[in-house]
Amino acid sequence: MKILIKELAKSHQWQVRLDNHAVNFRSEAEARAFTSTLEARLHAPHSLPERQQRAAG
């Protein structure tokens, strides 16, 4: 997933773009905090529930 942070010139807002989706924020700090949380969640280990692991194995 491509994540881009940019300032919106006329509105003085910040935008985080996630591929084709955009989320606007009132400040750069809010945009960066959102991005940091999102990246941490994306990189966190994810495991399948035990029931699905048995079916997949």
PDB file of N, CA and C in Angstrom:
ATOM      1  N   MET A   1       0.852  -1.173   0.000  1.00  0.00           N
ATOM      2  CA  MET A   1       0.000   0.000   0.000  1.00  0.00           C
ATOM      3  C   MET A   1       0.896   1.234   0.000  1.00  0.00           C
ATOM      4  N   LYS A   2       0.625   2.123  -0.921  1.00  0.00           N
ATOM      5  CA  LYS A   2       1.372   3.378  -0.997  1.00  0.00           C
ATOM      6  C   LYS A   2       0.679   4.416  -0.121  1.00  0.00           C
ATOM      7  N   ILE A   3       1.439   5.025   0.791  1.00  0.00           N
ATOM      8  CA  ILE A   3       0.898   6.042   1.703  1.00  0.00           C
ATOM      9  C   ILE A   3       1.645   7.346   1.449  1.00  0.00           C
ATOM     10  N   LEU A   4       0.893   8.411   1.169  1.00  0.00           N
ATOM     11  CA  LEU A   4       1.476   9.714   0.866  1.00  0.00           C
ATOM     12  C   LEU A   4       0.813  10.779   1.724  1.00  0.00           C
ATOM     13  N   ILE A   5       1.629  11.675   2.299  1.00  0.00           N
ATOM     14  CA  ILE A   5       1.106  12.801   3.077  1.00  0.00           C
ATOM     15  C   ILE A   5       1.414  14.075   2.297  1.00  0.00           C
ATOM     16  N   LYS A   6       0.382  14.916   2.116  1.00  0.00           N
ATOM     17  CA  LYS A   6       0.626  16.183   1.424  1.00  0.00           C
ATOM     18  C   LYS A   6      -0.269  17.279   1.994  1.00  0.00           C
ATOM     19  N   GLU A   7       0.210  18.525   1.855  1.00  0.00           N
ATOM     20  CA  GLU A   7      -0.573  19.673   2.304  1.00  0.00           C
ATOM     21  C   GLU A   7      -1.480  20.127   1.165  1.00  0.00           C
ATOM     22  N   LEU A   8      -2.731  20.409   1.507  1.00  0.00           N
ATOM     23  CA  LEU A   8      -3.675  20.945   0.526  1.00  0.00           C
ATOM     24  C   LEU A   8      -3.553  22.463   0.561  1.00  0.00           C
ATOM     25  N   ALA A   9      -3.071  23.038  -0.489  1.00  0.00           N
ATOM     26  CA  ALA A   9      -2.665  24.442  -0.520  1.00  0.00           C
ATOM     27  C   ALA A   9      -3.750  25.433  -0.121  1.00  0.00           C
ATOM     28  N   LYS A  10      -4.924  25.342  -0.704  1.00  0.00           N
ATOM     29  CA  LYS A  10      -5.931  26.376  -0.480  1.00  0.00           C
ATOM     30  C   LYS A  10      -6.671  26.226   0.845  1.00  0.00           C
ATOM     31  N   SER A  11      -6.765  25.021   1.354  1.00  0.00           N
ATOM     32  CA  SER A  11      -7.570  24.810   2.571  1.00  0.00           C
ATOM     33  C   SER A  11      -6.738  24.738   3.844  1.00  0.00           C
ATOM     34  N   HIS A  12      -5.428  24.729   3.725  1.00  0.00           N
ATOM     35  CA  HIS A  12      -4.532  24.599   4.874  1.00  0.00           C
ATOM     36  C   HIS A  12      -4.788  23.319   5.660  1.00  0.00           C
ATOM     37  N   GLN A  13      -5.242  22.301   4.957  1.00  0.00           N
ATOM     38  CA  GLN A  13      -5.427  20.991   5.562  1.00  0.00           C
ATOM     39  C   GLN A  13      -4.343  20.055   5.034  1.00  0.00           C
ATOM     40  N   TRP A  14      -4.253  18.888   5.665  1.00  0.00           N
ATOM     41  CA  TRP A  14      -3.306  17.869   5.236  1.00  0.00           C
ATOM     42  C   TRP A  14      -4.084  16.650   4.792  1.00  0.00           C
ATOM     43  N   GLN A  15      -3.542  15.968   3.807  1.00  0.00           N
ATOM     44  CA  GLN A  15      -4.225  14.808   3.264  1.00  0.00           C
ATOM     45  C   GLN A  15      -3.290  13.602   3.284  1.00  0.00           C
ATOM     46  N   VAL A  16      -3.839  12.477   3.722  1.00  0.00           N
ATOM     47  CA  VAL A  16      -3.131  11.210   3.658  1.00  0.00           C
ATOM     48  C   VAL A  16      -3.802  10.409   2.552  1.00  0.00           C
ATOM     49  N   ARG A  17      -3.008  10.027   1.564  1.00  0.00           N
ATOM     50  CA  ARG A  17      -3.535   9.221   0.457  1.00  0.00           C
ATOM     51  C   ARG A  17      -3.084   7.784   0.642  1.00  0.00           C
ATOM     52  N   LEU A  18      -4.044   6.873   0.588  1.00  0.00           N
ATOM     53  CA  LEU A  18      -3.801   5.445   0.715  1.00  0.00           C
ATOM     54  C   LEU A  18      -4.208   4.824  -0.613  1.00  0.00           C
ATOM     55  N   ASP A  19      -3.256   4.648  -1.501  1.00  0.00           N
ATOM     56  CA  ASP A  19      -3.547   4.223  -2.868  1.00  0.00           C
ATOM     57  C   ASP A  19      -4.564   5.206  -3.461  1.00  0.00           C
ATOM     58  N   ASN A  20      -5.807   4.780  -3.699  1.00  0.00           N
ATOM     59  CA  ASN A  20      -6.813   5.659  -4.305  1.00  0.00           C
ATOM     60  C   ASN A  20      -7.753   6.310  -3.297  1.00  0.00           C
ATOM     61  N   HIS A  21      -7.506   6.124  -2.026  1.00  0.00           N
ATOM     62  CA  HIS A  21      -8.368   6.682  -0.986  1.00  0.00           C
ATOM     63  C   HIS A  21      -7.662   7.865  -0.316  1.00  0.00           C
ATOM     64  N   ALA A  22      -8.442   8.882   0.046  1.00  0.00           N
ATOM     65  CA  ALA A  22      -7.869  10.072   0.681  1.00  0.00           C
ATOM     66  C   ALA A  22      -8.599  10.370   1.982  1.00  0.00           C
ATOM     67  N   VAL A  23      -7.812  10.769   3.004  1.00  0.00           N
ATOM     68  CA  VAL A  23      -8.361  11.164   4.303  1.00  0.00           C
ATOM     69  C   VAL A  23      -7.753  12.520   4.643  1.00  0.00           C
ATOM     70  N   ASN A  24      -8.594  13.509   4.953  1.00  0.00           N
ATOM     71  CA  ASN A  24      -8.122  14.860   5.261  1.00  0.00           C
ATOM     72  C   ASN A  24      -8.001  15.067   6.769  1.00  0.00           C
ATOM     73  N   PHE A  25      -7.003  15.889   7.151  1.00  0.00           N
ATOM     74  CA  PHE A  25      -6.754  16.208   8.558  1.00  0.00           C
ATOM     75  C   PHE A  25      -6.540  17.712   8.706  1.00  0.00           C
ATOM     76  N   ARG A  26      -6.776  18.215   9.915  1.00  0.00           N
ATOM     77  CA  ARG A  26      -6.637  19.649  10.171  1.00  0.00           C
ATOM     78  C   ARG A  26      -5.185  20.088  10.316  1.00  0.00           C
ATOM     79  N   SER A  27      -4.285  19.142  10.643  1.00  0.00           N
ATOM     80  CA  SER A  27      -2.891  19.524  10.842  1.00  0.00           C
ATOM     81  C   SER A  27      -1.954  18.422  10.363  1.00  0.00           C
ATOM     82  N   GLU A  28      -0.711  18.806  10.159  1.00  0.00           N
ATOM     83  CA  GLU A  28       0.299  17.826   9.766  1.00  0.00           C
ATOM     84  C   GLU A  28       0.498  16.797  10.879  1.00  0.00           C
ATOM     85  N   ALA A  29       0.451  17.242  12.132  1.00  0.00           N
ATOM     86  CA  ALA A  29       0.638  16.326  13.254  1.00  0.00           C
ATOM     87  C   ALA A  29      -0.438  15.233  13.264  1.00  0.00           C
ATOM     88  N   GLU A  30      -1.687  15.618  13.014  1.00  0.00           N
ATOM     89  CA  GLU A  30      -2.769  14.623  12.967  1.00  0.00           C
ATOM     90  C   GLU A  30      -2.558  13.644  11.815  1.00  0.00           C
ATOM     91  N   ALA A  31      -2.152  14.150  10.669  1.00  0.00           N
ATOM     92  CA  ALA A  31      -1.912  13.288   9.505  1.00  0.00           C
ATOM     93  C   ALA A  31      -0.776  12.313   9.778  1.00  0.00           C
ATOM     94  N   ARG A  32       0.298  12.793  10.394  1.00  0.00           N
ATOM     95  CA  ARG A  32       1.437  11.918  10.692  1.00  0.00           C
ATOM     96  C   ARG A  32       1.099  10.894  11.778  1.00  0.00           C
ATOM     97  N   ALA A  33       0.304  11.287  12.765  1.00  0.00           N
ATOM     98  CA  ALA A  33      -0.108  10.345  13.808  1.00  0.00           C
ATOM     99  C   ALA A  33      -0.965   9.229  13.206  1.00  0.00           C
ATOM    100  N   PHE A  34      -1.877   9.584  12.332  1.00  0.00           N
ATOM    101  CA  PHE A  34      -2.713   8.591  11.650  1.00  0.00           C
ATOM    102  C   PHE A  34      -1.849   7.629  10.843  1.00  0.00           C
ATOM    103  N   THR A  35      -0.906   8.190  10.085  1.00  0.00           N
ATOM    104  CA  THR A  35      -0.026   7.377   9.251  1.00  0.00           C
ATOM    105  C   THR A  35       0.826   6.438  10.103  1.00  0.00           C
ATOM    106  N   SER A  36       1.335   6.946  11.201  1.00  0.00           N
ATOM    107  CA  SER A  36       2.146   6.119  12.091  1.00  0.00           C
ATOM    108  C   SER A  36       1.351   4.942  12.654  1.00  0.00           C
ATOM    109  N   THR A  37       0.137   5.216  13.098  1.00  0.00           N
ATOM    110  CA  THR A  37      -0.724   4.153  13.630  1.00  0.00           C
ATOM    111  C   THR A  37      -1.064   3.138  12.543  1.00  0.00           C
ATOM    112  N   LEU A  38      -1.390   3.624  11.367  1.00  0.00           N
ATOM    113  CA  LEU A  38      -1.728   2.738  10.261  1.00  0.00           C
ATOM    114  C   LEU A  38      -0.552   1.840   9.897  1.00  0.00           C
ATOM    115  N   GLU A  39       0.642   2.421   9.774  1.00  0.00           N
ATOM    116  CA  GLU A  39       1.814   1.625   9.411  1.00  0.00           C
ATOM    117  C   GLU A  39       2.136   0.593  10.481  1.00  0.00           C
ATOM    118  N   ALA A  40       1.984   0.952  11.745  1.00  0.00           N
ATOM    119  CA  ALA A  40       2.232  -0.004  12.828  1.00  0.00           C
ATOM    120  C   ALA A  40       1.264  -1.178  12.738  1.00  0.00           C
ATOM    121  N   ARG A  41       0.023  -0.889  12.442  1.00  0.00           N
ATOM    122  CA  ARG A  41      -0.974  -1.958  12.317  1.00  0.00           C
ATOM    123  C   ARG A  41      -0.712  -2.833  11.096  1.00  0.00           C
ATOM    124  N   LEU A  42      -0.287  -2.219  10.003  1.00  0.00           N
ATOM    125  CA  LEU A  42       0.001  -3.000   8.803  1.00  0.00           C
ATOM    126  C   LEU A  42       1.206  -3.920   8.994  1.00  0.00           C
ATOM    127  N   HIS A  43       2.195  -3.461   9.768  1.00  0.00           N
ATOM    128  CA  HIS A  43       3.407  -4.248   9.981  1.00  0.00           C
ATOM    129  C   HIS A  43       3.321  -5.190  11.179  1.00  0.00           C
ATOM    130  N   ALA A  44       2.261  -5.099  11.937  1.00  0.00           N
ATOM    131  CA  ALA A  44       2.105  -5.973  13.101  1.00  0.00           C
ATOM    132  C   ALA A  44       1.894  -7.412  12.652  1.00  0.00           C
ATOM    133  N   PRO A  45       2.363  -8.362  13.456  1.00  0.00           N
ATOM    134  CA  PRO A  45       2.120  -9.760  13.093  1.00  0.00           C
ATOM    135  C   PRO A  45       0.633 -10.077  13.155  1.00  0.00           C
ATOM    136  N   HIS A  46       0.182 -10.822  12.163  1.00  0.00           N
ATOM    137  CA  HIS A  46      -1.212 -11.238  12.105  1.00  0.00           C
ATOM    138  C   HIS A  46      -1.246 -12.751  11.990  1.00  0.00           C
ATOM    139  N   SER A  47      -2.034 -13.376  12.823  1.00  0.00           N
ATOM    140  CA  SER A  47      -2.155 -14.827  12.735  1.00  0.00           C
ATOM    141  C   SER A  47      -3.603 -15.196  12.453  1.00  0.00           C
ATOM    142  N   LEU A  48      -3.758 -16.304  11.773  1.00  0.00           N
ATOM    143  CA  LEU A  48      -5.094 -16.803  11.508  1.00  0.00           C
ATOM    144  C   LEU A  48      -5.669 -17.424  12.779  1.00  0.00           C
ATOM    145  N   PRO A  49      -6.960 -17.352  12.952  1.00  0.00           N
ATOM    146  CA  PRO A  49      -7.556 -18.051  14.082  1.00  0.00           C
ATOM    147  C   PRO A  49      -7.238 -19.546  13.984  1.00  0.00           C
ATOM    148  N   GLU A  50      -7.126 -20.202  15.117  1.00  0.00           N
ATOM    149  CA  GLU A  50      -6.699 -21.600  15.171  1.00  0.00           C
ATOM    150  C   GLU A  50      -7.545 -22.489  14.261  1.00  0.00           C
ATOM    151  N   ARG A  51      -8.820 -22.277  14.225  1.00  0.00           N
ATOM    152  CA  ARG A  51      -9.721 -23.088  13.412  1.00  0.00           C
ATOM    153  C   ARG A  51      -9.357 -23.016  11.926  1.00  0.00           C
ATOM    154  N   GLN A  52      -9.037 -21.825  11.432  1.00  0.00           N
ATOM    155  CA  GLN A  52      -8.673 -21.657  10.032  1.00  0.00           C
ATOM    156  C   GLN A  52      -7.296 -22.243   9.744  1.00  0.00           C
ATOM    157  N   GLN A  53      -6.381 -22.186  10.717  1.00  0.00           N
ATOM    158  CA  GLN A  53      -5.050 -22.742  10.510  1.00  0.00           C
ATOM    159  C   GLN A  53      -5.135 -24.252  10.290  1.00  0.00           C
ATOM    160  N   ARG A  54      -5.972 -24.947  11.046  1.00  0.00           N
ATOM    161  CA  ARG A  54      -6.116 -26.390  10.877  1.00  0.00           C
ATOM    162  C   ARG A  54      -6.684 -26.718   9.492  1.00  0.00           C
ATOM    163  N   ALA A  55      -7.640 -25.943   9.031  1.00  0.00           N
ATOM    164  CA  ALA A  55      -8.248 -26.179   7.730  1.00  0.00           C
ATOM    165  C   ALA A  55      -7.249 -25.896   6.611  1.00  0.00           C
ATOM    166  N   ALA A  56      -6.397 -24.908   6.794  1.00  0.00           N
ATOM    167  CA  ALA A  56      -5.408 -24.550   5.774  1.00  0.00           C
ATOM    168  C   ALA A  56      -4.250 -25.537   5.748  1.00  0.00           C
ATOM    169  N   GLY A  57      -3.950 -26.157   6.881  1.00  0.00           N
ATOM    170  CA  GLY A  57      -2.782 -27.036   6.990  1.00  0.00           C
ATOM    171  C   GLY A  57      -3.065 -28.374   6.520  1.00  0.00           C
TER     172      GLY A  57
END
